Structures are given as structure tokens and as C-alpha cells.
Amino acid sequence: MAQLSVGYKADGRGPEILGDSNLMLGSALSFQTAVAVATKAVGYDPRYLTVRILVPTRLDGPSAGGIFAVGIAAALLGDSIRPDICMSGTIESDEEIQAVGRLVDKMNGCRELRKTTMIVPDALDNSHLSFTGAERSIQVIEVHTLAEAYSAATGQALRPVP
């Protein structure tokens, strides 16, 4: 579980993106992409944004990019993320959620965290996930875009900031 804080940067010299030492290169790059994609998706000027993420263990790779983008957009829009979800999937600059590896292992992590819904990329090789999820009492929701992931995670539509 990561702790994400999103704030206003009054001097307009953002985005200010801060990670901790547990955010390894692959995840740091994915986090930067998530900031750019989320701010563009909701129409927020990133020059006035400061974002900080703290992760309790080493995290490397792009698999959390989708949930990073959902979290940033939710903070900017003032929406809550459902407490029962977990998510895995990369975020691309065109707002697509792309496939990642080891989804069954990540599903096991969701189960350990007592989550009941897992959002995953809509990929051709995910046909086994619904069955695997049912075995673990986890509903699987497949998404293709940030808007779909946002809706699944918050119950709200992805929209421009007011």
C-alpha cells in the first residue's frame, strides 16, 4: 500500500514529483507518466501540482502505473477510491492501461490485503483470471483505458476538474 499526497504548487514551477528511496527506477518512471496522464485527463495544469508518494517496500516496474494515475486523478477531483479494490496495469501516455506480468501473484497479494475486487488490463491472455479470482473470492474487472479504470475504482466518471 502506498501513501499518495497531491497538492497545489503556488509558484507554478511544477510538476514537483517526489518519491522515496523505495521507488525504484521503473516505478519512478511509471509514476512520472501517471502524473502527466492524470493531469491531462482531468484538465489540470501540472505546473501547479506537487505530488509525493511513499511506499513501504521496494517497488520496481510499471505495474502500478494505472493505479498511480487513478489515485492522482481521484485526488484532483475529490473522489474516493473504493476500499475493496486493488489494481495492476501500466499506464501509457494515450491513457491506455496495458498488460503486466504475474497477475496471479498480484491477485494473491490482493487476497492477503483482504481486497475483493481486482482491476486488471483487458488483455487476450487474461481469460483464466476470472476463474482464478472466483477461487480466491476476488471479482476481476478488465479495463482498457484510464477512464474505465477510474470508474471501476471510484464509481465516478473521469471528468474535467471544476
Protein backbone atom coordinates (compact mmCIF):
# COMPACT_ATOMS: atom_id res chain seq x y z
CA MET A 1 0.00 0.00 0.00
CA ALA A 2 1.36 3.40 -0.95
CA GLN A 3 0.65 6.78 0.55
CA LEU A 4 -0.03 9.44 -2.08
CA SER A 5 -0.32 13.16 -1.40
CA VAL A 6 -1.33 15.68 -4.05
CA GLY A 7 -1.13 19.42 -3.51
CA TYR A 8 -1.14 22.84 -5.10
CA LYS A 9 2.20 24.38 -6.10
CA ALA A 10 1.63 28.13 -5.90
CA ASP A 11 4.78 29.22 -7.74
CA GLY A 12 3.70 27.44 -10.96
CA ARG A 13 7.04 25.66 -11.31
CA GLY A 14 5.68 22.14 -11.24
CA PRO A 15 5.05 19.48 -11.54
CA GLU A 16 7.01 18.70 -8.42
CA ILE A 17 7.20 14.91 -8.24
CA LEU A 18 8.67 13.37 -5.12
CA GLY A 19 9.22 9.70 -4.46
CA ASP A 20 11.00 7.92 -1.66
CA SER A 21 14.02 5.64 -1.86
CA ASN A 22 11.77 2.55 -2.17
CA LEU A 23 10.50 3.74 -5.55
CA MET A 24 12.99 2.19 -7.96
CA LEU A 25 13.70 3.48 -11.48
CA GLY A 26 10.98 1.54 -13.33
CA SER A 27 8.31 2.58 -10.86
CA ALA A 28 9.58 6.17 -10.70
CA LEU A 29 9.25 6.49 -14.49
CA SER A 30 5.78 4.95 -14.35
CA PHE A 31 4.84 7.41 -11.59
CA GLN A 32 6.01 10.35 -13.73
CA THR A 33 3.92 9.06 -16.64
CA ALA A 34 0.93 8.67 -14.32
CA VAL A 35 1.24 12.30 -13.19
CA ALA A 36 1.34 13.54 -16.79
CA VAL A 37 -1.55 11.33 -17.94
CA ALA A 38 -3.79 12.01 -14.93
CA THR A 39 -3.37 15.79 -15.09
CA LYS A 40 -4.06 15.81 -18.83
CA ALA A 41 -7.10 13.53 -18.42
CA VAL A 42 -8.75 15.87 -15.91
CA GLY A 43 -7.50 19.11 -17.48
CA TYR A 44 -5.36 20.22 -14.52
CA ASP A 45 -2.31 22.39 -15.23
CA PRO A 46 0.64 20.32 -13.95
CA ARG A 47 2.70 23.47 -13.36
CA TYR A 48 0.61 23.94 -10.21
CA LEU A 49 0.96 20.40 -8.94
CA THR A 50 3.07 18.76 -6.28
CA VAL A 51 2.81 15.00 -5.85
CA ARG A 52 4.54 12.81 -3.30
CA ILE A 53 4.43 9.04 -2.96
CA LEU A 54 5.68 6.91 -0.11
CA VAL A 55 5.89 3.15 -0.49
CA PRO A 56 6.64 0.81 2.42
CA THR A 57 8.73 -1.68 0.41
CA ARG A 58 10.88 -1.58 -2.71
CA LEU A 59 8.77 -1.17 -5.82
CA ASP A 60 10.16 -1.54 -9.32
CA GLY A 61 8.48 -1.81 -12.68
CA PRO A 62 5.49 -0.19 -14.35
CA SER A 63 2.73 -2.43 -12.94
CA ALA A 64 1.39 0.20 -10.53
CA GLY A 65 1.21 2.98 -13.14
CA GLY A 66 -2.52 2.57 -13.67
CA ILE A 67 -3.42 2.86 -10.01
CA PHE A 68 -0.98 5.76 -9.63
CA ALA A 69 -2.90 7.62 -12.37
CA VAL A 70 -6.27 6.71 -10.83
CA GLY A 71 -5.08 7.93 -7.43
CA ILE A 72 -3.77 11.24 -8.74
CA ALA A 73 -6.94 11.90 -10.75
CA ALA A 74 -9.11 10.98 -7.75
CA ALA A 75 -7.20 13.41 -5.53
CA LEU A 76 -7.57 16.21 -8.08
CA LEU A 77 -11.30 15.51 -8.48
CA GLY A 78 -12.01 14.88 -4.80
CA ASP A 79 -13.31 11.34 -5.35
CA SER A 80 -12.60 8.40 -3.05
CA ILE A 81 -11.13 5.13 -4.23
CA ARG A 82 -13.16 2.12 -3.17
CA PRO A 83 -11.52 0.41 -0.19
CA ASP A 84 -12.15 -3.08 -1.61
CA ILE A 85 -10.08 -2.73 -4.80
CA CYS A 86 -6.56 -3.37 -5.92
CA MET A 87 -5.20 -2.84 -9.41
CA SER A 88 -2.32 -3.81 -11.65
CA GLY A 89 -1.54 -2.42 -15.09
CA THR A 90 0.79 0.05 -16.76
CA ILE A 91 -0.38 3.49 -17.84
CA GLU A 92 0.53 4.75 -21.29
CA SER A 93 0.64 8.35 -22.48
CA ASP A 94 -2.52 7.75 -24.57
CA GLU A 95 -4.43 6.79 -21.36
CA GLU A 96 -4.44 3.07 -22.18
CA ILE A 97 -3.96 0.53 -19.40
CA GLN A 98 -1.54 -2.09 -20.71
CA ALA A 99 -0.79 -5.67 -19.73
CA VAL A 100 1.62 -6.66 -16.99
CA GLY A 101 3.03 -9.97 -15.87
CA ARG A 102 2.44 -12.21 -12.87
CA LEU A 103 -1.19 -11.21 -12.37
CA VAL A 104 -1.98 -14.37 -10.41
CA ASP A 105 0.79 -13.47 -7.93
CA LYS A 106 -0.62 -9.95 -7.68
CA MET A 107 -4.08 -11.41 -7.16
CA ASN A 108 -2.68 -13.41 -4.24
CA GLY A 109 -1.39 -10.11 -2.84
CA CYS A 110 -4.88 -8.63 -3.16
CA ARG A 111 -6.27 -11.56 -1.24
CA GLU A 112 -3.68 -11.10 1.52
CA LEU A 113 -4.78 -7.44 1.77
CA ARG A 114 -8.41 -8.65 2.02
CA LYS A 115 -9.45 -6.88 -1.19
CA THR A 116 -12.42 -8.35 -3.04
CA THR A 117 -12.06 -6.70 -6.46
CA MET A 118 -9.03 -6.57 -8.75
CA ILE A 119 -8.81 -4.25 -11.74
CA VAL A 120 -6.58 -5.62 -14.49
CA PRO A 121 -5.75 -4.70 -18.08
CA ASP A 122 -8.06 -6.11 -20.74
CA ALA A 123 -5.64 -8.50 -22.43
CA LEU A 124 -6.05 -11.56 -24.60
CA ASP A 125 -4.26 -13.82 -22.14
CA ASN A 126 -6.40 -12.93 -19.09
CA SER A 127 -9.18 -15.45 -19.72
CA HIS A 128 -8.09 -17.54 -16.73
CA LEU A 129 -8.23 -14.63 -14.27
CA SER A 130 -11.98 -14.65 -13.65
CA PHE A 131 -11.81 -18.33 -12.71
CA THR A 132 -8.71 -17.79 -10.57
CA GLY A 133 -10.35 -14.78 -8.95
CA ALA A 134 -13.51 -16.74 -8.17
CA GLU A 135 -11.36 -19.37 -6.43
CA ARG A 136 -9.95 -16.60 -4.25
CA SER A 137 -13.27 -14.71 -3.78
CA ILE A 138 -11.96 -11.83 -5.89
CA GLN A 139 -14.03 -10.24 -8.64
CA VAL A 140 -11.94 -9.37 -11.70
CA ILE A 141 -12.72 -6.23 -13.70
CA GLU A 142 -10.89 -5.87 -17.01
CA VAL A 143 -10.27 -2.34 -18.29
CA HIS A 144 -8.64 -0.84 -21.36
CA THR A 145 -8.43 2.88 -20.52
CA LEU A 146 -7.81 5.18 -17.60
CA ALA A 147 -11.46 6.28 -17.75
CA GLU A 148 -12.63 2.67 -17.35
CA ALA A 149 -10.18 2.03 -14.50
CA TYR A 150 -11.21 5.27 -12.80
CA SER A 151 -14.88 4.38 -12.99
CA ALA A 152 -14.24 0.88 -11.63
CA ALA A 153 -12.05 2.21 -8.79
CA THR A 154 -14.18 5.18 -7.72
CA GLY A 155 -17.69 4.59 -9.04
CA GLN A 156 -17.45 8.01 -10.68
CA ALA A 157 -16.78 9.18 -14.22
CA LEU A 158 -13.38 10.58 -15.13
CA ARG A 159 -14.11 14.23 -15.89
CA PRO A 160 -12.51 17.68 -16.02
CA VAL A 161 -11.68 19.38 -12.73
CA PRO A 162 -14.26 22.01 -11.78
